[in-house]
Amino acid sequence: MRFELKHHMIAYTILILLLTIHILLFMGLWPQTAAQRIIAVSLGCCYFFWGILAHVKSKHITKRIAREYFFAALLGSGILIFITL
């Protein structure tokens, strides 16, 4: 794991930055559920595309990896949307 973090430091920094921004926006828009749902979908899309781009860059992309990122993003976004109901 340390090798992965050290070898892909820029990619993980971008991921942490994206997640932090989305979390702060989601929490900051608390009473506005429609805006929170947009942020939740945006978070899922950003996570999915980050995963795909990171794996394409490392030349290690498969359909299984793409499905994994898709369903993880779908689950995360779904949970956040469910919270706003």
PDB file of N, CA and C in Angstrom:
ATOM      1  N   MET A   1       0.829  -1.199   0.000  1.00  0.00           N
ATOM      2  CA  MET A   1       0.000   0.000   0.000  1.00  0.00           C
ATOM      3  C   MET A   1       0.870   1.257   0.000  1.00  0.00           C
ATOM      4  N   ARG A   2       1.948   1.242   0.760  1.00  0.00           N
ATOM      5  CA  ARG A   2       2.823   2.419   0.781  1.00  0.00           C
ATOM      6  C   ARG A   2       3.413   2.699  -0.591  1.00  0.00           C
ATOM      7  N   PHE A   3       3.770   1.615  -1.314  1.00  0.00           N
ATOM      8  CA  PHE A   3       4.302   1.796  -2.660  1.00  0.00           C
ATOM      9  C   PHE A   3       3.267   2.472  -3.553  1.00  0.00           C
ATOM     10  N   GLU A   4       2.021   2.021  -3.461  1.00  0.00           N
ATOM     11  CA  GLU A   4       0.954   2.608  -4.268  1.00  0.00           C
ATOM     12  C   GLU A   4       0.776   4.086  -3.955  1.00  0.00           C
ATOM     13  N   LEU A   5       0.751   4.411  -2.678  1.00  0.00           N
ATOM     14  CA  LEU A   5       0.580   5.808  -2.282  1.00  0.00           C
ATOM     15  C   LEU A   5       1.747   6.662  -2.765  1.00  0.00           C
ATOM     16  N   LYS A   6       2.949   6.169  -2.601  1.00  0.00           N
ATOM     17  CA  LYS A   6       4.127   6.931  -2.996  1.00  0.00           C
ATOM     18  C   LYS A   6       4.229   7.045  -4.516  1.00  0.00           C
ATOM     19  N   HIS A   7       3.924   5.966  -5.207  1.00  0.00           N
ATOM     20  CA  HIS A   7       4.052   5.925  -6.660  1.00  0.00           C
ATOM     21  C   HIS A   7       2.980   6.759  -7.351  1.00  0.00           C
ATOM     22  N   HIS A   8       1.803   6.865  -6.761  1.00  0.00           N
ATOM     23  CA  HIS A   8       0.676   7.586  -7.359  1.00  0.00           C
ATOM     24  C   HIS A   8       0.238   8.750  -6.473  1.00  0.00           C
ATOM     25  N   MET A   9       1.201   9.462  -5.923  1.00  0.00           N
ATOM     26  CA  MET A   9       0.920  10.550  -4.978  1.00  0.00           C
ATOM     27  C   MET A   9       0.005  11.622  -5.575  1.00  0.00           C
ATOM     28  N   ILE A  10       0.238  12.031  -6.815  1.00  0.00           N
ATOM     29  CA  ILE A  10      -0.575  13.078  -7.434  1.00  0.00           C
ATOM     30  C   ILE A  10      -2.016  12.614  -7.605  1.00  0.00           C
ATOM     31  N   ALA A  11      -2.203  11.384  -8.048  1.00  0.00           N
ATOM     32  CA  ALA A  11      -3.562  10.868  -8.258  1.00  0.00           C
ATOM     33  C   ALA A  11      -4.334  10.816  -6.947  1.00  0.00           C
ATOM     34  N   TYR A  12      -3.699  10.337  -5.885  1.00  0.00           N
ATOM     35  CA  TYR A  12      -4.395  10.254  -4.599  1.00  0.00           C
ATOM     36  C   TYR A  12      -4.618  11.635  -3.987  1.00  0.00           C
ATOM     37  N   THR A  13      -3.718  12.559  -4.244  1.00  0.00           N
ATOM     38  CA  THR A  13      -3.920  13.935  -3.771  1.00  0.00           C
ATOM     39  C   THR A  13      -5.141  14.543  -4.446  1.00  0.00           C
ATOM     40  N   ILE A  14      -5.269  14.314  -5.740  1.00  0.00           N
ATOM     41  CA  ILE A  14      -6.444  14.815  -6.472  1.00  0.00           C
ATOM     42  C   ILE A  14      -7.714  14.172  -5.934  1.00  0.00           C
ATOM     43  N   LEU A  15      -7.681  12.871  -5.660  1.00  0.00           N
ATOM     44  CA  LEU A  15      -8.856  12.186  -5.120  1.00  0.00           C
ATOM     45  C   LEU A  15      -9.252  12.762  -3.765  1.00  0.00           C
ATOM     46  N   ILE A  16      -8.290  12.946  -2.890  1.00  0.00           N
ATOM     47  CA  ILE A  16      -8.588  13.495  -1.559  1.00  0.00           C
ATOM     48  C   ILE A  16      -9.139  14.911  -1.683  1.00  0.00           C
ATOM     49  N   LEU A  17      -8.588  15.693  -2.583  1.00  0.00           N
ATOM     50  CA  LEU A  17      -9.076  17.054  -2.805  1.00  0.00           C
ATOM     51  C   LEU A  17     -10.524  17.040  -3.315  1.00  0.00           C
ATOM     52  N   LEU A  18     -10.810  16.173  -4.288  1.00  0.00           N
ATOM     53  CA  LEU A  18     -12.178  16.061  -4.814  1.00  0.00           C
ATOM     54  C   LEU A  18     -13.162  15.624  -3.729  1.00  0.00           C
ATOM     55  N   LEU A  19     -12.781  14.619  -2.955  1.00  0.00           N
ATOM     56  CA  LEU A  19     -13.662  14.144  -1.892  1.00  0.00           C
ATOM     57  C   LEU A  19     -13.892  15.217  -0.832  1.00  0.00           C
ATOM     58  N   THR A  20     -12.840  15.910  -0.456  1.00  0.00           N
ATOM     59  CA  THR A  20     -12.960  16.965   0.558  1.00  0.00           C
ATOM     60  C   THR A  20     -13.882  18.080   0.082  1.00  0.00           C
ATOM     61  N   ILE A  21     -13.701  18.523  -1.149  1.00  0.00           N
ATOM     62  CA  ILE A  21     -14.542  19.592  -1.696  1.00  0.00           C
ATOM     63  C   ILE A  21     -16.009  19.161  -1.721  1.00  0.00           C
ATOM     64  N   HIS A  22     -16.259  17.946  -2.169  1.00  0.00           N
ATOM     65  CA  HIS A  22     -17.636  17.461  -2.233  1.00  0.00           C
ATOM     66  C   HIS A  22     -18.254  17.307  -0.834  1.00  0.00           C
ATOM     67  N   ILE A  23     -17.486  16.824   0.104  1.00  0.00           N
ATOM     68  CA  ILE A  23     -18.006  16.676   1.471  1.00  0.00           C
ATOM     69  C   ILE A  23     -18.340  18.040   2.064  1.00  0.00           C
ATOM     70  N   LEU A  24     -17.445  19.003   1.889  1.00  0.00           N
ATOM     71  CA  LEU A  24     -17.698  20.346   2.421  1.00  0.00           C
ATOM     72  C   LEU A  24     -18.917  20.982   1.752  1.00  0.00           C
ATOM     73  N   LEU A  25     -19.035  20.809   0.443  1.00  0.00           N
ATOM     74  CA  LEU A  25     -20.215  21.345  -0.251  1.00  0.00           C
ATOM     75  C   LEU A  25     -21.493  20.661   0.217  1.00  0.00           C
ATOM     76  N   PHE A  26     -21.447  19.350   0.339  1.00  0.00           N
ATOM     77  CA  PHE A  26     -22.623  18.594   0.773  1.00  0.00           C
ATOM     78  C   PHE A  26     -23.063  19.051   2.166  1.00  0.00           C
ATOM     79  N   MET A  27     -22.130  19.176   3.081  1.00  0.00           N
ATOM     80  CA  MET A  27     -22.467  19.597   4.445  1.00  0.00           C
ATOM     81  C   MET A  27     -22.881  21.070   4.491  1.00  0.00           C
ATOM     82  N   GLY A  28     -22.242  21.891   3.664  1.00  0.00           N
ATOM     83  CA  GLY A  28     -22.543  23.323   3.662  1.00  0.00           C
ATOM     84  C   GLY A  28     -23.906  23.652   3.074  1.00  0.00           C
ATOM     85  N   LEU A  29     -24.420  22.780   2.234  1.00  0.00           N
ATOM     86  CA  LEU A  29     -25.722  23.017   1.599  1.00  0.00           C
ATOM     87  C   LEU A  29     -26.837  22.291   2.332  1.00  0.00           C
ATOM     88  N   TRP A  30     -26.689  22.122   3.631  1.00  0.00           N
ATOM     89  CA  TRP A  30     -27.563  21.260   4.413  1.00  0.00           C
ATOM     90  C   TRP A  30     -29.062  21.426   4.172  1.00  0.00           C
ATOM     91  N   PRO A  31     -29.654  22.588   4.294  1.00  0.00           N
ATOM     92  CA  PRO A  31     -31.117  22.585   4.157  1.00  0.00           C
ATOM     93  C   PRO A  31     -31.600  22.422   2.714  1.00  0.00           C
ATOM     94  N   GLN A  32     -30.736  22.565   1.737  1.00  0.00           N
ATOM     95  CA  GLN A  32     -31.139  22.516   0.332  1.00  0.00           C
ATOM     96  C   GLN A  32     -30.913  21.106  -0.233  1.00  0.00           C
ATOM     97  N   THR A  33     -31.921  20.267  -0.112  1.00  0.00           N
ATOM     98  CA  THR A  33     -31.764  18.867  -0.496  1.00  0.00           C
ATOM     99  C   THR A  33     -31.529  18.677  -1.997  1.00  0.00           C
ATOM    100  N   ALA A  34     -32.122  19.540  -2.820  1.00  0.00           N
ATOM    101  CA  ALA A  34     -31.909  19.417  -4.272  1.00  0.00           C
ATOM    102  C   ALA A  34     -30.443  19.665  -4.613  1.00  0.00           C
ATOM    103  N   ALA A  35     -29.851  20.660  -4.007  1.00  0.00           N
ATOM    104  CA  ALA A  35     -28.434  20.958  -4.238  1.00  0.00           C
ATOM    105  C   ALA A  35     -27.555  19.827  -3.704  1.00  0.00           C
ATOM    106  N   GLN A  36     -27.930  19.252  -2.571  1.00  0.00           N
ATOM    107  CA  GLN A  36     -27.166  18.138  -2.020  1.00  0.00           C
ATOM    108  C   GLN A  36     -27.209  16.928  -2.943  1.00  0.00           C
ATOM    109  N   ARG A  37     -28.332  16.699  -3.578  1.00  0.00           N
ATOM    110  CA  ARG A  37     -28.440  15.565  -4.512  1.00  0.00           C
ATOM    111  C   ARG A  37     -27.547  15.784  -5.728  1.00  0.00           C
ATOM    112  N   ILE A  38     -27.475  17.015  -6.192  1.00  0.00           N
ATOM    113  CA  ILE A  38     -26.582  17.332  -7.308  1.00  0.00           C
ATOM    114  C   ILE A  38     -25.129  17.072  -6.905  1.00  0.00           C
ATOM    115  N   ILE A  39     -24.766  17.477  -5.702  1.00  0.00           N
ATOM    116  CA  ILE A  39     -23.405  17.243  -5.196  1.00  0.00           C
ATOM    117  C   ILE A  39     -23.149  15.741  -5.073  1.00  0.00           C
ATOM    118  N   ALA A  40     -24.137  14.988  -4.630  1.00  0.00           N
ATOM    119  CA  ALA A  40     -23.981  13.536  -4.491  1.00  0.00           C
ATOM    120  C   ALA A  40     -23.725  12.879  -5.844  1.00  0.00           C
ATOM    121  N   VAL A  41     -24.463  13.282  -6.860  1.00  0.00           N
ATOM    122  CA  VAL A  41     -24.255  12.741  -8.201  1.00  0.00           C
ATOM    123  C   VAL A  41     -22.893  13.177  -8.742  1.00  0.00           C
ATOM    124  N   SER A  42     -22.537  14.424  -8.496  1.00  0.00           N
ATOM    125  CA  SER A  42     -21.236  14.931  -8.921  1.00  0.00           C
ATOM    126  C   SER A  42     -20.096  14.150  -8.263  1.00  0.00           C
ATOM    127  N   LEU A  43     -20.252  13.854  -7.002  1.00  0.00           N
ATOM    128  CA  LEU A  43     -19.240  13.075  -6.281  1.00  0.00           C
ATOM    129  C   LEU A  43     -19.084  11.696  -6.904  1.00  0.00           C
ATOM    130  N   GLY A  44     -20.194  11.045  -7.186  1.00  0.00           N
ATOM    131  CA  GLY A  44     -20.136   9.727  -7.813  1.00  0.00           C
ATOM    132  C   GLY A  44     -19.463   9.764  -9.174  1.00  0.00           C
ATOM    133  N   CYS A  45     -19.806  10.755  -9.969  1.00  0.00           N
ATOM    134  CA  CYS A  45     -19.192  10.887 -11.298  1.00  0.00           C
ATOM    135  C   CYS A  45     -17.698  11.174 -11.198  1.00  0.00           C
ATOM    136  N   CYS A  46     -17.328  12.075 -10.307  1.00  0.00           N
ATOM    137  CA  CYS A  46     -15.906  12.398 -10.133  1.00  0.00           C
ATOM    138  C   CYS A  46     -15.116  11.184  -9.679  1.00  0.00           C
ATOM    139  N   TYR A  47     -15.662  10.430  -8.734  1.00  0.00           N
ATOM    140  CA  TYR A  47     -14.964   9.244  -8.239  1.00  0.00           C
ATOM    141  C   TYR A  47     -14.812   8.208  -9.349  1.00  0.00           C
ATOM    142  N   PHE A  48     -15.872   7.987 -10.111  1.00  0.00           N
ATOM    143  CA  PHE A  48     -15.826   7.016 -11.204  1.00  0.00           C
ATOM    144  C   PHE A  48     -14.778   7.421 -12.242  1.00  0.00           C
ATOM    145  N   PHE A  49     -14.829   8.673 -12.699  1.00  0.00           N
ATOM    146  CA  PHE A  49     -13.895   9.107 -13.726  1.00  0.00           C
ATOM    147  C   PHE A  49     -12.465   9.189 -13.208  1.00  0.00           C
ATOM    148  N   TRP A  50     -12.295   9.548 -11.930  1.00  0.00           N
ATOM    149  CA  TRP A  50     -10.949   9.531 -11.351  1.00  0.00           C
ATOM    150  C   TRP A  50     -10.386   8.116 -11.393  1.00  0.00           C
ATOM    151  N   GLY A  51     -11.161   7.127 -10.999  1.00  0.00           N
ATOM    152  CA  GLY A  51     -10.702   5.748 -10.992  1.00  0.00           C
ATOM    153  C   GLY A  51     -10.343   5.259 -12.377  1.00  0.00           C
ATOM    154  N   ILE A  52     -11.193   5.568 -13.344  1.00  0.00           N
ATOM    155  CA  ILE A  52     -10.927   5.148 -14.719  1.00  0.00           C
ATOM    156  C   ILE A  52      -9.657   5.814 -15.236  1.00  0.00           C
ATOM    157  N   LEU A  53      -9.546   7.126 -15.058  1.00  0.00           N
ATOM    158  CA  LEU A  53      -8.362   7.836 -15.548  1.00  0.00           C
ATOM    159  C   LEU A  53      -7.089   7.382 -14.848  1.00  0.00           C
ATOM    160  N   ALA A  54      -7.157   7.138 -13.554  1.00  0.00           N
ATOM    161  CA  ALA A  54      -5.984   6.676 -12.827  1.00  0.00           C
ATOM    162  C   ALA A  54      -5.514   5.322 -13.339  1.00  0.00           C
ATOM    163  N   HIS A  55      -6.448   4.445 -13.639  1.00  0.00           N
ATOM    164  CA  HIS A  55      -6.071   3.120 -14.139  1.00  0.00           C
ATOM    165  C   HIS A  55      -5.637   3.154 -15.602  1.00  0.00           C
ATOM    166  N   VAL A  56      -6.227   4.027 -16.390  1.00  0.00           N
ATOM    167  CA  VAL A  56      -5.777   4.172 -17.779  1.00  0.00           C
ATOM    168  C   VAL A  56      -4.347   4.699 -17.793  1.00  0.00           C
ATOM    169  N   LYS A  57      -4.076   5.675 -16.932  1.00  0.00           N
ATOM    170  CA  LYS A  57      -2.726   6.244 -16.859  1.00  0.00           C
ATOM    171  C   LYS A  57      -1.698   5.189 -16.462  1.00  0.00           C
ATOM    172  N   SER A  58      -2.068   4.304 -15.558  1.00  0.00           N
ATOM    173  CA  SER A  58      -1.140   3.263 -15.121  1.00  0.00           C
ATOM    174  C   SER A  58      -1.171   2.033 -16.036  1.00  0.00           C
ATOM    175  N   LYS A  59      -1.987   2.111 -17.101  1.00  0.00           N
ATOM    176  CA  LYS A  59      -2.120   1.025 -18.090  1.00  0.00           C
ATOM    177  C   LYS A  59      -2.569  -0.284 -17.452  1.00  0.00           C
ATOM    178  N   HIS A  60      -3.498  -0.158 -16.504  1.00  0.00           N
ATOM    179  CA  HIS A  60      -4.001  -1.338 -15.808  1.00  0.00           C
ATOM    180  C   HIS A  60      -5.515  -1.243 -15.661  1.00  0.00           C
ATOM    181  N   ILE A  61      -6.203  -1.085 -16.785  1.00  0.00           N
ATOM    182  CA  ILE A  61      -7.657  -0.952 -16.750  1.00  0.00           C
ATOM    183  C   ILE A  61      -8.301  -2.210 -17.340  1.00  0.00           C
ATOM    184  N   THR A  62      -9.311  -2.692 -16.651  1.00  0.00           N
ATOM    185  CA  THR A  62     -10.084  -3.832 -17.141  1.00  0.00           C
ATOM    186  C   THR A  62     -11.570  -3.507 -16.965  1.00  0.00           C
ATOM    187  N   LYS A  63     -12.404  -4.321 -17.588  1.00  0.00           N
ATOM    188  CA  LYS A  63     -13.844  -4.127 -17.420  1.00  0.00           C
ATOM    189  C   LYS A  63     -14.246  -4.333 -15.967  1.00  0.00           C
ATOM    190  N   ARG A  64     -13.589  -5.262 -15.299  1.00  0.00           N
ATOM    191  CA  ARG A  64     -13.902  -5.529 -13.893  1.00  0.00           C
ATOM    192  C   ARG A  64     -13.595  -4.300 -13.022  1.00  0.00           C
ATOM    193  N   ILE A  65     -12.474  -3.654 -13.274  1.00  0.00           N
ATOM    194  CA  ILE A  65     -12.109  -2.454 -12.518  1.00  0.00           C
ATOM    195  C   ILE A  65     -13.112  -1.344 -12.794  1.00  0.00           C
ATOM    196  N   ALA A  66     -13.497  -1.176 -14.052  1.00  0.00           N
ATOM    197  CA  ALA A  66     -14.470  -0.140 -14.411  1.00  0.00           C
ATOM    198  C   ALA A  66     -15.808  -0.395 -13.715  1.00  0.00           C
ATOM    199  N   ARG A  67     -16.245  -1.666 -13.715  1.00  0.00           N
ATOM    200  CA  ARG A  67     -17.501  -2.003 -13.015  1.00  0.00           C
ATOM    201  C   ARG A  67     -17.380  -1.736 -11.524  1.00  0.00           C
ATOM    202  N   GLU A  68     -16.235  -2.054 -10.945  1.00  0.00           N
ATOM    203  CA  GLU A  68     -16.034  -1.827  -9.515  1.00  0.00           C
ATOM    204  C   GLU A  68     -16.167  -0.345  -9.173  1.00  0.00           C
ATOM    205  N   TYR A  69     -15.519   0.514  -9.950  1.00  0.00           N
ATOM    206  CA  TYR A  69     -15.630   1.955  -9.699  1.00  0.00           C
ATOM    207  C   TYR A  69     -17.047   2.447  -9.941  1.00  0.00           C
ATOM    208  N   PHE A  70     -17.708   1.920 -10.967  1.00  0.00           N
ATOM    209  CA  PHE A  70     -19.075   2.337 -11.256  1.00  0.00           C
ATOM    210  C   PHE A  70     -20.007   2.006 -10.097  1.00  0.00           C
ATOM    211  N   PHE A  71     -19.940   0.771  -9.627  1.00  0.00           N
ATOM    212  CA  PHE A  71     -20.860   0.369  -8.562  1.00  0.00           C
ATOM    213  C   PHE A  71     -20.511   1.000  -7.214  1.00  0.00           C
ATOM    214  N   ALA A  72     -19.232   1.238  -6.952  1.00  0.00           N
ATOM    215  CA  ALA A  72     -18.858   1.943  -5.723  1.00  0.00           C
ATOM    216  C   ALA A  72     -19.375   3.382  -5.766  1.00  0.00           C
ATOM    217  N   ALA A  73     -19.241   4.031  -6.924  1.00  0.00           N
ATOM    218  CA  ALA A  73     -19.745   5.399  -7.075  1.00  0.00           C
ATOM    219  C   ALA A  73     -21.264   5.426  -6.962  1.00  0.00           C
ATOM    220  N   LEU A  74     -21.917   4.441  -7.562  1.00  0.00           N
ATOM    221  CA  LEU A  74     -23.378   4.348  -7.493  1.00  0.00           C
ATOM    222  C   LEU A  74     -23.850   4.139  -6.055  1.00  0.00           C
ATOM    223  N   LEU A  75     -23.178   3.271  -5.337  1.00  0.00           N
ATOM    224  CA  LEU A  75     -23.539   3.014  -3.945  1.00  0.00           C
ATOM    225  C   LEU A  75     -23.344   4.263  -3.083  1.00  0.00           C
ATOM    226  N   GLY A  76     -22.191   4.901  -3.222  1.00  0.00           N
ATOM    227  CA  GLY A  76     -21.920   6.111  -2.433  1.00  0.00           C
ATOM    228  C   GLY A  76     -22.910   7.228  -2.730  1.00  0.00           C
ATOM    229  N   SER A  77     -23.158   7.462  -4.007  1.00  0.00           N
ATOM    230  CA  SER A  77     -24.117   8.503  -4.383  1.00  0.00           C
ATOM    231  C   SER A  77     -25.518   8.139  -3.926  1.00  0.00           C
ATOM    232  N   GLY A  78     -25.863   6.876  -4.064  1.00  0.00           N
ATOM    233  CA  GLY A  78     -27.187   6.423  -3.632  1.00  0.00           C
ATOM    234  C   GLY A  78     -27.417   6.633  -2.143  1.00  0.00           C
ATOM    235  N   ILE A  79     -26.415   6.336  -1.352  1.00  0.00           N
ATOM    236  CA  ILE A  79     -26.533   6.532   0.100  1.00  0.00           C
ATOM    237  C   ILE A  79     -26.713   8.006   0.424  1.00  0.00           C
ATOM    238  N   LEU A  80     -25.924   8.860  -0.226  1.00  0.00           N
ATOM    239  CA  LEU A  80     -26.053  10.302   0.033  1.00  0.00           C
ATOM    240  C   LEU A  80     -27.409  10.822  -0.415  1.00  0.00           C
ATOM    241  N   ILE A  81     -27.890  10.361  -1.549  1.00  0.00           N
ATOM    242  CA  ILE A  81     -29.220  10.778  -2.011  1.00  0.00           C
ATOM    243  C   ILE A  81     -30.298  10.280  -1.062  1.00  0.00           C
ATOM    244  N   PHE A  82     -30.143   9.051  -0.580  1.00  0.00           N
ATOM    245  CA  PHE A  82     -31.106   8.487   0.378  1.00  0.00           C
ATOM    246  C   PHE A  82     -31.144   9.324   1.662  1.00  0.00           C
ATOM    247  N   ILE A  83     -30.013   9.833   2.088  1.00  0.00           N
ATOM    248  CA  ILE A  83     -29.949  10.681   3.292  1.00  0.00           C
ATOM    249  C   ILE A  83     -30.779  11.942   3.097  1.00  0.00           C
ATOM    250  N   THR A  84     -30.849  12.455   1.875  1.00  0.00           N
ATOM    251  CA  THR A  84     -31.539  13.729   1.630  1.00  0.00           C
ATOM    252  C   THR A  84     -33.044  13.562   1.451  1.00  0.00           C
ATOM    253  N   LEU A  85     -33.555  12.357   1.460  1.00  0.00           N
ATOM    254  CA  LEU A  85     -34.995  12.164   1.278  1.00  0.00           C
ATOM    255  C   LEU A  85     -35.778  12.569   2.505  1.00  0.00           C
TER     256      LEU A  85
END
